[in-house]
PDB file of all heavy atoms in Angstrom:
ATOM      1  N   ARG A   1       2.508   7.372  -6.081  1.00  0.00           N
ATOM      2  CA  ARG A   1       3.163   8.040  -7.215  1.00  0.00           C
ATOM      3  C   ARG A   1       4.612   7.577  -7.348  1.00  0.00           C
ATOM      4  O   ARG A   1       5.089   7.322  -8.456  1.00  0.00           O
ATOM      5  CB  ARG A   1       3.105   9.551  -7.048  1.00  0.00           C
ATOM      6  CG  ARG A   1       1.754  10.154  -7.369  1.00  0.00           C
ATOM      7  CD  ARG A   1       1.799  11.678  -7.437  1.00  0.00           C
ATOM      8  NE  ARG A   1       2.159  12.290  -6.174  1.00  0.00           N
ATOM      9  CZ  ARG A   1       1.306  12.557  -5.178  1.00  0.00           C
ATOM     10  NH1 ARG A   1       0.033  12.243  -5.317  1.00  0.00           N
ATOM     11  NH2 ARG A   1       1.722  13.132  -4.075  1.00  0.00           N
ATOM     12  N   ARG A   2       5.312   7.459  -6.228  1.00  0.00           N
ATOM     13  CA  ARG A   2       6.714   7.040  -6.281  1.00  0.00           C
ATOM     14  C   ARG A   2       6.854   5.580  -6.687  1.00  0.00           C
ATOM     15  O   ARG A   2       7.760   5.218  -7.434  1.00  0.00           O
ATOM     16  CB  ARG A   2       7.383   7.252  -4.917  1.00  0.00           C
ATOM     17  CG  ARG A   2       7.702   8.696  -4.603  1.00  0.00           C
ATOM     18  CD  ARG A   2       8.541   8.828  -3.338  1.00  0.00           C
ATOM     19  NE  ARG A   2       7.809   8.474  -2.135  1.00  0.00           N
ATOM     20  CZ  ARG A   2       7.135   9.335  -1.360  1.00  0.00           C
ATOM     21  NH1 ARG A   2       7.080  10.612  -1.693  1.00  0.00           N
ATOM     22  NH2 ARG A   2       6.529   8.918  -0.277  1.00  0.00           N
ATOM     23  N   LEU A   3       5.963   4.724  -6.202  1.00  0.00           N
ATOM     24  CA  LEU A   3       6.075   3.288  -6.439  1.00  0.00           C
ATOM     25  C   LEU A   3       5.509   2.853  -7.781  1.00  0.00           C
ATOM     26  O   LEU A   3       6.002   1.910  -8.398  1.00  0.00           O
ATOM     27  CB  LEU A   3       5.368   2.512  -5.318  1.00  0.00           C
ATOM     28  CG  LEU A   3       5.966   2.677  -3.929  1.00  0.00           C
ATOM     29  CD1 LEU A   3       5.059   2.052  -2.882  1.00  0.00           C
ATOM     30  CD2 LEU A   3       7.371   2.099  -3.865  1.00  0.00           C
ATOM     31  N   GLY A   4       4.421   3.502  -8.224  1.00  0.00           N
ATOM     32  CA  GLY A   4       3.786   3.126  -9.488  1.00  0.00           C
ATOM     33  C   GLY A   4       3.247   1.707  -9.446  1.00  0.00           C
ATOM     34  O   GLY A   4       2.960   1.150  -8.386  1.00  0.00           O
ATOM     35  N   GLY A   5       3.108   1.090 -10.613  1.00  0.00           N
ATOM     36  CA  GLY A   5       2.681  -0.303 -10.713  1.00  0.00           C
ATOM     37  C   GLY A   5       1.366  -0.586 -10.030  1.00  0.00           C
ATOM     38  O   GLY A   5       0.345   0.039 -10.338  1.00  0.00           O
ATOM     39  N   ASN A   6       1.349  -1.484  -9.074  1.00  0.00           N
ATOM     40  CA  ASN A   6       0.136  -1.947  -8.418  1.00  0.00           C
ATOM     41  C   ASN A   6      -0.221  -1.145  -7.158  1.00  0.00           C
ATOM     42  O   ASN A   6      -1.075  -1.567  -6.386  1.00  0.00           O
ATOM     43  CB  ASN A   6       0.285  -3.431  -8.066  1.00  0.00           C
ATOM     44  CG  ASN A   6       1.481  -3.689  -7.170  1.00  0.00           C
ATOM     45  OD1 ASN A   6       2.303  -2.812  -6.926  1.00  0.00           O
ATOM     46  ND2 ASN A   6       1.598  -4.916  -6.695  1.00  0.00           N
ATOM     47  N   ALA A   7       0.428  -0.002  -6.963  1.00  0.00           N
ATOM     48  CA  ALA A   7       0.184   0.805  -5.765  1.00  0.00           C
ATOM     49  C   ALA A   7      -1.073   1.662  -5.932  1.00  0.00           C
ATOM     50  O   ALA A   7      -1.271   2.296  -6.972  1.00  0.00           O
ATOM     51  CB  ALA A   7       1.380   1.691  -5.463  1.00  0.00           C
ATOM     52  N   ARG A   8      -1.911   1.662  -4.887  1.00  0.00           N
ATOM     53  CA  ARG A   8      -3.127   2.478  -4.840  1.00  0.00           C
ATOM     54  C   ARG A   8      -2.970   3.478  -3.693  1.00  0.00           C
ATOM     55  O   ARG A   8      -2.830   3.079  -2.545  1.00  0.00           O
ATOM     56  CB  ARG A   8      -4.358   1.638  -4.535  1.00  0.00           C
ATOM     57  CG  ARG A   8      -4.670   0.541  -5.501  1.00  0.00           C
ATOM     58  CD  ARG A   8      -5.927  -0.191  -5.042  1.00  0.00           C
ATOM     59  NE  ARG A   8      -5.991  -1.509  -5.647  1.00  0.00           N
ATOM     60  CZ  ARG A   8      -6.893  -2.423  -5.326  1.00  0.00           C
ATOM     61  NH1 ARG A   8      -7.796  -2.179  -4.404  1.00  0.00           N
ATOM     62  NH2 ARG A   8      -6.891  -3.596  -5.919  1.00  0.00           N
ATOM     63  N   GLY A   9      -3.014   4.757  -4.010  1.00  0.00           N
ATOM     64  CA  GLY A   9      -2.888   5.787  -2.991  1.00  0.00           C
ATOM     65  C   GLY A   9      -4.246   6.222  -2.477  1.00  0.00           C
ATOM     66  O   GLY A   9      -5.150   6.515  -3.266  1.00  0.00           O
ATOM     67  N   LEU A  10      -4.398   6.263  -1.160  1.00  0.00           N
ATOM     68  CA  LEU A  10      -5.652   6.696  -0.535  1.00  0.00           C
ATOM     69  C   LEU A  10      -5.389   7.872   0.397  1.00  0.00           C
ATOM     70  O   LEU A  10      -4.428   7.860   1.154  1.00  0.00           O
ATOM     71  CB  LEU A  10      -6.267   5.557   0.281  1.00  0.00           C
ATOM     72  CG  LEU A  10      -6.602   4.249  -0.429  1.00  0.00           C
ATOM     73  CD1 LEU A  10      -7.148   3.237   0.574  1.00  0.00           C
ATOM     74  CD2 LEU A  10      -7.582   4.481  -1.556  1.00  0.00           C
ATOM     75  N   ILE A  11      -6.281   8.848   0.352  1.00  0.00           N
ATOM     76  CA  ILE A  11      -6.243   9.937   1.322  1.00  0.00           C
ATOM     77  C   ILE A  11      -7.072   9.504   2.532  1.00  0.00           C
ATOM     78  O   ILE A  11      -7.873   8.567   2.431  1.00  0.00           O
ATOM     79  CB  ILE A  11      -6.780  11.262   0.732  1.00  0.00           C
ATOM     80  CG1 ILE A  11      -8.239  11.108   0.293  1.00  0.00           C
ATOM     81  CG2 ILE A  11      -5.901  11.745  -0.416  1.00  0.00           C
ATOM     82  CD1 ILE A  11      -8.903  12.402  -0.127  1.00  0.00           C
ATOM     83  N   PRO A  12      -6.882  10.152   3.695  1.00  0.00           N
ATOM     84  CA  PRO A  12      -7.659   9.746   4.870  1.00  0.00           C
ATOM     85  C   PRO A  12      -9.159   9.701   4.594  1.00  0.00           C
ATOM     86  O   PRO A  12      -9.710  10.601   3.961  1.00  0.00           O
ATOM     87  CB  PRO A  12      -7.311  10.800   5.908  1.00  0.00           C
ATOM     88  CG  PRO A  12      -5.916  11.207   5.536  1.00  0.00           C
ATOM     89  CD  PRO A  12      -5.917  11.199   4.021  1.00  0.00           C
ATOM     90  N   TRP A  13      -9.777   8.626   5.025  1.00  0.00           N
ATOM     91  CA  TRP A  13     -11.198   8.288   4.929  1.00  0.00           C
ATOM     92  C   TRP A  13     -11.607   7.796   3.548  1.00  0.00           C
ATOM     93  O   TRP A  13     -12.750   7.444   3.343  1.00  0.00           O
ATOM     94  CB  TRP A  13     -12.099   9.438   5.398  1.00  0.00           C
ATOM     95  CG  TRP A  13     -11.716   9.891   6.770  1.00  0.00           C
ATOM     96  CD1 TRP A  13     -11.293  11.142   7.122  1.00  0.00           C
ATOM     97  CD2 TRP A  13     -11.700   9.119   7.964  1.00  0.00           C
ATOM     98  NE1 TRP A  13     -10.994  11.177   8.462  1.00  0.00           N
ATOM     99  CE2 TRP A  13     -11.240   9.938   9.004  1.00  0.00           C
ATOM    100  CE3 TRP A  13     -12.011   7.785   8.259  1.00  0.00           C
ATOM    101  CZ2 TRP A  13     -11.085   9.490  10.306  1.00  0.00           C
ATOM    102  CZ3 TRP A  13     -11.857   7.344   9.554  1.00  0.00           C
ATOM    103  CH2 TRP A  13     -11.407   8.189  10.568  1.00  0.00           C
ATOM    104  N   GLN A  14     -10.686   7.735   2.608  1.00  0.00           N
ATOM    105  CA  GLN A  14     -10.975   7.131   1.310  1.00  0.00           C
ATOM    106  C   GLN A  14     -10.815   5.619   1.450  1.00  0.00           C
ATOM    107  O   GLN A  14      -9.979   5.145   2.216  1.00  0.00           O
ATOM    108  CB  GLN A  14     -10.015   7.670   0.253  1.00  0.00           C
ATOM    109  CG  GLN A  14     -10.336   7.234  -1.161  1.00  0.00           C
ATOM    110  CD  GLN A  14      -9.387   7.860  -2.181  1.00  0.00           C
ATOM    111  OE1 GLN A  14      -8.336   8.388  -1.849  1.00  0.00           O
ATOM    112  NE2 GLN A  14      -9.772   7.774  -3.433  1.00  0.00           N
ATOM    113  N   ALA A  15     -11.618   4.869   0.699  1.00  0.00           N
ATOM    114  CA  ALA A  15     -11.591   3.409   0.839  1.00  0.00           C
ATOM    115  C   ALA A  15     -11.373   2.734  -0.508  1.00  0.00           C
ATOM    116  O   ALA A  15     -11.640   3.303  -1.566  1.00  0.00           O
ATOM    117  CB  ALA A  15     -12.893   2.922   1.457  1.00  0.00           C
ATOM    118  N   THR A  16     -10.895   1.522  -0.429  1.00  0.00           N
ATOM    119  CA  THR A  16     -10.787   0.639  -1.575  1.00  0.00           C
ATOM    120  C   THR A  16     -11.283  -0.726  -1.110  1.00  0.00           C
ATOM    121  O   THR A  16     -11.519  -0.933   0.075  1.00  0.00           O
ATOM    122  CB  THR A  16      -9.341   0.572  -2.121  1.00  0.00           C
ATOM    123  OG1 THR A  16      -9.330  -0.114  -3.377  1.00  0.00           O
ATOM    124  CG2 THR A  16      -8.397  -0.111  -1.148  1.00  0.00           C
ATOM    125  N   ARG A  17     -11.438  -1.632  -2.023  1.00  0.00           N
ATOM    126  CA  ARG A  17     -12.056  -2.908  -1.688  1.00  0.00           C
ATOM    127  C   ARG A  17     -11.243  -4.048  -2.294  1.00  0.00           C
ATOM    128  O   ARG A  17     -10.804  -3.983  -3.434  1.00  0.00           O
ATOM    129  CB  ARG A  17     -13.466  -2.903  -2.258  1.00  0.00           C
ATOM    130  CG  ARG A  17     -14.259  -4.142  -1.984  1.00  0.00           C
ATOM    131  CD  ARG A  17     -15.691  -3.946  -2.378  1.00  0.00           C
ATOM    132  NE  ARG A  17     -16.356  -3.296  -1.250  1.00  0.00           N
ATOM    133  CZ  ARG A  17     -17.595  -2.873  -1.258  1.00  0.00           C
ATOM    134  NH1 ARG A  17     -18.338  -3.007  -2.341  1.00  0.00           N
ATOM    135  NH2 ARG A  17     -18.117  -2.325  -0.185  1.00  0.00           N
ATOM    136  N   LEU A  18     -11.095  -5.105  -1.509  1.00  0.00           N
ATOM    137  CA  LEU A  18     -10.544  -6.360  -2.011  1.00  0.00           C
ATOM    138  C   LEU A  18     -11.706  -7.329  -2.142  1.00  0.00           C
ATOM    139  O   LEU A  18     -12.450  -7.535  -1.178  1.00  0.00           O
ATOM    140  CB  LEU A  18      -9.516  -6.938  -1.035  1.00  0.00           C
ATOM    141  CG  LEU A  18      -8.267  -6.116  -0.738  1.00  0.00           C
ATOM    142  CD1 LEU A  18      -7.406  -6.826   0.293  1.00  0.00           C
ATOM    143  CD2 LEU A  18      -7.474  -5.830  -1.998  1.00  0.00           C
ATOM    144  N   HIS A  19     -11.893  -7.895  -3.317  1.00  0.00           N
ATOM    145  CA  HIS A  19     -12.967  -8.872  -3.495  1.00  0.00           C
ATOM    146  C   HIS A  19     -12.511  -9.962  -4.460  1.00  0.00           C
ATOM    147  O   HIS A  19     -11.742  -9.715  -5.386  1.00  0.00           O
ATOM    148  CB  HIS A  19     -14.270  -8.220  -3.974  1.00  0.00           C
ATOM    149  CG  HIS A  19     -14.117  -7.407  -5.212  1.00  0.00           C
ATOM    150  ND1 HIS A  19     -14.231  -7.929  -6.465  1.00  0.00           N
ATOM    151  CD2 HIS A  19     -13.847  -6.089  -5.374  1.00  0.00           C
ATOM    152  CE1 HIS A  19     -14.034  -6.970  -7.366  1.00  0.00           C
ATOM    153  NE2 HIS A  19     -13.796  -5.857  -6.725  1.00  0.00           N
ATOM    154  N   ALA A  20     -12.977 -11.162  -4.158  1.00  0.00           N
ATOM    155  CA  ALA A  20     -12.666 -12.331  -4.977  1.00  0.00           C
ATOM    156  C   ALA A  20     -13.702 -13.406  -4.656  1.00  0.00           C
ATOM    157  O   ALA A  20     -14.248 -13.423  -3.546  1.00  0.00           O
ATOM    158  CB  ALA A  20     -11.266 -12.847  -4.684  1.00  0.00           C
ATOM    159  N   PRO A  21     -13.974 -14.288  -5.595  1.00  0.00           N
ATOM    160  CA  PRO A  21     -14.918 -15.384  -5.316  1.00  0.00           C
ATOM    161  C   PRO A  21     -14.465 -16.207  -4.115  1.00  0.00           C
ATOM    162  O   PRO A  21     -13.263 -16.404  -3.906  1.00  0.00           O
ATOM    163  CB  PRO A  21     -14.870 -16.220  -6.604  1.00  0.00           C
ATOM    164  CG  PRO A  21     -14.310 -15.326  -7.650  1.00  0.00           C
ATOM    165  CD  PRO A  21     -13.428 -14.345  -6.943  1.00  0.00           C
ATOM    166  N   ASP A  22     -15.416 -16.661  -3.330  1.00  0.00           N
ATOM    167  CA  ASP A  22     -15.167 -17.543  -2.189  1.00  0.00           C
ATOM    168  C   ASP A  22     -14.332 -16.932  -1.069  1.00  0.00           C
ATOM    169  O   ASP A  22     -13.744 -17.655  -0.265  1.00  0.00           O
ATOM    170  CB  ASP A  22     -14.509 -18.865  -2.648  1.00  0.00           C
ATOM    171  CG  ASP A  22     -15.363 -19.601  -3.667  1.00  0.00           C
ATOM    172  OD1 ASP A  22     -16.610 -19.585  -3.514  1.00  0.00           O
ATOM    173  OD2 ASP A  22     -14.809 -20.163  -4.624  1.00  0.00           O
ATOM    174  N   ARG A  23     -14.255 -15.601  -1.054  1.00  0.00           N
ATOM    175  CA  ARG A  23     -13.568 -14.905   0.034  1.00  0.00           C
ATOM    176  C   ARG A  23     -14.455 -13.737   0.475  1.00  0.00           C
ATOM    177  O   ARG A  23     -15.190 -13.183  -0.336  1.00  0.00           O
ATOM    178  CB  ARG A  23     -12.232 -14.331  -0.421  1.00  0.00           C
ATOM    179  CG  ARG A  23     -11.201 -15.345  -0.803  1.00  0.00           C
ATOM    180  CD  ARG A  23      -9.920 -14.645  -1.127  1.00  0.00           C
ATOM    181  NE  ARG A  23      -8.935 -15.554  -1.683  1.00  0.00           N
ATOM    182  CZ  ARG A  23      -7.730 -15.177  -2.053  1.00  0.00           C
ATOM    183  NH1 ARG A  23      -7.368 -13.919  -1.960  1.00  0.00           N
ATOM    184  NH2 ARG A  23      -6.889 -16.050  -2.537  1.00  0.00           N
ATOM    185  N   PRO A  24     -14.352 -13.335   1.725  1.00  0.00           N
ATOM    186  CA  PRO A  24     -15.123 -12.166   2.136  1.00  0.00           C
ATOM    187  C   PRO A  24     -14.556 -10.908   1.481  1.00  0.00           C
ATOM    188  O   PRO A  24     -13.344 -10.790   1.297  1.00  0.00           O
ATOM    189  CB  PRO A  24     -14.928 -12.126   3.654  1.00  0.00           C
ATOM    190  CG  PRO A  24     -13.616 -12.806   3.876  1.00  0.00           C
ATOM    191  CD  PRO A  24     -13.529 -13.873   2.813  1.00  0.00           C
ATOM    192  N   THR A  25     -15.428 -10.006   1.092  1.00  0.00           N
ATOM    193  CA  THR A  25     -14.972  -8.712   0.589  1.00  0.00           C
ATOM    194  C   THR A  25     -14.437  -7.913   1.763  1.00  0.00           C
ATOM    195  O   THR A  25     -15.065  -7.844   2.815  1.00  0.00           O
ATOM    196  CB  THR A  25     -16.136  -7.967  -0.097  1.00  0.00           C
ATOM    197  OG1 THR A  25     -16.534  -8.748  -1.243  1.00  0.00           O
ATOM    198  CG2 THR A  25     -15.730  -6.584  -0.544  1.00  0.00           C
ATOM    199  N   ILE A  26     -13.269  -7.319   1.587  1.00  0.00           N
ATOM    200  CA  ILE A  26     -12.665  -6.505   2.636  1.00  0.00           C
ATOM    201  C   ILE A  26     -12.637  -5.052   2.175  1.00  0.00           C
ATOM    202  O   ILE A  26     -12.062  -4.750   1.118  1.00  0.00           O
ATOM    203  CB  ILE A  26     -11.239  -6.971   2.983  1.00  0.00           C
ATOM    204  CG1 ILE A  26     -11.249  -8.417   3.456  1.00  0.00           C
ATOM    205  CG2 ILE A  26     -10.619  -6.052   4.051  1.00  0.00           C
ATOM    206  CD1 ILE A  26      -9.856  -8.986   3.734  1.00  0.00           C
ATOM    207  N   ASP A  27     -13.263  -4.179   2.957  1.00  0.00           N
ATOM    208  CA  ASP A  27     -13.176  -2.738   2.718  1.00  0.00           C
ATOM    209  C   ASP A  27     -11.999  -2.209   3.521  1.00  0.00           C
ATOM    210  O   ASP A  27     -11.911  -2.435   4.734  1.00  0.00           O
ATOM    211  CB  ASP A  27     -14.460  -2.038   3.142  1.00  0.00           C
ATOM    212  CG  ASP A  27     -15.621  -2.383   2.232  1.00  0.00           C
ATOM    213  OD1 ASP A  27     -15.408  -2.452   0.998  1.00  0.00           O
ATOM    214  OD2 ASP A  27     -16.731  -2.606   2.739  1.00  0.00           O
ATOM    215  N   ILE A  28     -11.085  -1.524   2.841  1.00  0.00           N
ATOM    216  CA  ILE A  28      -9.907  -0.950   3.479  1.00  0.00           C
ATOM    217  C   ILE A  28     -10.032   0.563   3.408  1.00  0.00           C
ATOM    218  O   ILE A  28     -10.077   1.134   2.316  1.00  0.00           O
ATOM    219  CB  ILE A  28      -8.612  -1.400   2.785  1.00  0.00           C
ATOM    220  CG1 ILE A  28      -8.519  -2.928   2.807  1.00  0.00           C
ATOM    221  CG2 ILE A  28      -7.392  -0.746   3.439  1.00  0.00           C
ATOM    222  CD1 ILE A  28      -7.396  -3.482   1.956  1.00  0.00           C
ATOM    223  N   THR A  29     -10.117   1.203   4.562  1.00  0.00           N
ATOM    224  CA  THR A  29     -10.242   2.653   4.648  1.00  0.00           C
ATOM    225  C   THR A  29      -8.938   3.229   5.181  1.00  0.00           C
ATOM    226  O   THR A  29      -8.425   2.779   6.216  1.00  0.00           O
ATOM    227  CB  THR A  29     -11.397   3.050   5.591  1.00  0.00           C
ATOM    228  OG1 THR A  29     -12.612   2.461   5.091  1.00  0.00           O
ATOM    229  CG2 THR A  29     -11.567   4.554   5.674  1.00  0.00           C
ATOM    230  N   ALA A  30      -8.404   4.227   4.480  1.00  0.00           N
ATOM    231  CA  ALA A  30      -7.213   4.925   4.976  1.00  0.00           C
ATOM    232  C   ALA A  30      -7.618   5.772   6.174  1.00  0.00           C
ATOM    233  O   ALA A  30      -8.663   6.430   6.157  1.00  0.00           O
ATOM    234  CB  ALA A  30      -6.630   5.814   3.883  1.00  0.00           C
ATOM    235  N   THR A  31      -6.822   5.719   7.228  1.00  0.00           N
ATOM    236  CA  THR A  31      -7.118   6.495   8.431  1.00  0.00           C
ATOM    237  C   THR A  31      -6.035   7.549   8.643  1.00  0.00           C
ATOM    238  O   THR A  31      -4.889   7.371   8.213  1.00  0.00           O
ATOM    239  CB  THR A  31      -7.228   5.585   9.668  1.00  0.00           C
ATOM    240  OG1 THR A  31      -6.003   4.882   9.864  1.00  0.00           O
ATOM    241  CG2 THR A  31      -8.385   4.600   9.512  1.00  0.00           C
ATOM    242  N   PRO A  32      -6.401   8.646   9.302  1.00  0.00           N
ATOM    243  CA  PRO A  32      -5.420   9.713   9.529  1.00  0.00           C
ATOM    244  C   PRO A  32      -4.219   9.214  10.320  1.00  0.00           C
ATOM    245  O   PRO A  32      -4.353   8.366  11.204  1.00  0.00           O
ATOM    246  CB  PRO A  32      -6.195  10.752  10.343  1.00  0.00           C
ATOM    247  CG  PRO A  32      -7.629  10.454  10.116  1.00  0.00           C
ATOM    248  CD  PRO A  32      -7.713   8.978   9.856  1.00  0.00           C
ATOM    249  N   ALA A  33      -3.076   9.748   9.986  1.00  0.00           N
ATOM    250  CA  ALA A  33      -1.836   9.454  10.702  1.00  0.00           C
ATOM    251  C   ALA A  33      -0.922  10.667  10.534  1.00  0.00           C
ATOM    252  O   ALA A  33      -1.012  11.384   9.545  1.00  0.00           O
ATOM    253  CB  ALA A  33      -1.175   8.198  10.153  1.00  0.00           C
ATOM    254  N   ARG A  34      -0.082  10.872  11.511  1.00  0.00           N
ATOM    255  CA  ARG A  34       0.909  11.951  11.429  1.00  0.00           C
ATOM    256  C   ARG A  34       2.208  11.401  11.982  1.00  0.00           C
ATOM    257  O   ARG A  34       2.240  10.826  13.062  1.00  0.00           O
ATOM    258  CB  ARG A  34       0.437  13.173  12.230  1.00  0.00           C
ATOM    259  CG  ARG A  34       1.308  14.388  11.976  1.00  0.00           C
ATOM    260  CD  ARG A  34       0.764  15.614  12.653  1.00  0.00           C
ATOM    261  NE  ARG A  34       1.038  15.514  14.078  1.00  0.00           N
ATOM    262  CZ  ARG A  34       0.359  16.200  15.002  1.00  0.00           C
ATOM    263  NH1 ARG A  34      -0.636  16.984  14.666  1.00  0.00           N
ATOM    264  NH2 ARG A  34       0.674  16.072  16.272  1.00  0.00           N
ATOM    265  N   HIS A  35       3.280  11.605  11.258  1.00  0.00           N
ATOM    266  CA  HIS A  35       4.556  10.963  11.551  1.00  0.00           C
ATOM    267  C   HIS A  35       5.407  11.706  12.578  1.00  0.00           C
ATOM    268  O   HIS A  35       6.504  11.268  12.894  1.00  0.00           O
ATOM    269  CB  HIS A  35       5.319  10.818  10.238  1.00  0.00           C
ATOM    270  CG  HIS A  35       6.264   9.670  10.185  1.00  0.00           C
ATOM    271  ND1 HIS A  35       6.021   8.449  10.762  1.00  0.00           N
ATOM    272  CD2 HIS A  35       7.488   9.552   9.611  1.00  0.00           C
ATOM    273  CE1 HIS A  35       7.037   7.640  10.540  1.00  0.00           C
ATOM    274  NE2 HIS A  35       7.938   8.281   9.849  1.00  0.00           N
ATOM    275  N   GLY A  36       4.903  12.812  13.082  1.00  0.00           N
ATOM    276  CA  GLY A  36       5.693  13.586  14.045  1.00  0.00           C
ATOM    277  C   GLY A  36       4.862  14.688  14.662  1.00  0.00           C
ATOM    278  O   GLY A  36       3.635  14.702  14.547  1.00  0.00           O
ATOM    279  N   PRO A  37       5.521  15.640  15.301  1.00  0.00           N
ATOM    280  CA  PRO A  37       4.795  16.722  15.962  1.00  0.00           C
ATOM    281  C   PRO A  37       4.098  17.637  14.960  1.00  0.00           C
ATOM    282  O   PRO A  37       4.329  17.535  13.752  1.00  0.00           O
ATOM    283  CB  PRO A  37       5.889  17.461  16.740  1.00  0.00           C
ATOM    284  CG  PRO A  37       7.163  17.097  16.082  1.00  0.00           C
ATOM    285  CD  PRO A  37       6.964  15.743  15.454  1.00  0.00           C
ATOM    286  N   PRO A  38       3.229  18.535  15.452  1.00  0.00           N
ATOM    287  CA  PRO A  38       2.555  19.475  14.541  1.00  0.00           C
ATOM    288  C   PRO A  38       3.556  20.178  13.623  1.00  0.00           C
ATOM    289  O   PRO A  38       4.681  20.472  14.022  1.00  0.00           O
ATOM    290  CB  PRO A  38       1.885  20.471  15.486  1.00  0.00           C
ATOM    291  CG  PRO A  38       1.706  19.725  16.763  1.00  0.00           C
ATOM    292  CD  PRO A  38       2.888  18.788  16.848  1.00  0.00           C
TER     293      PRO A  38
END
């Protein structure tokens, strides 16, 4: 939301895909992370 443009926001366990001819398709899954203590 802050960056706009070509930014894709994913919540944990949501995935997106990179695909193009002559390249392997890459599935990118967002994984949980926490930046500090509880």
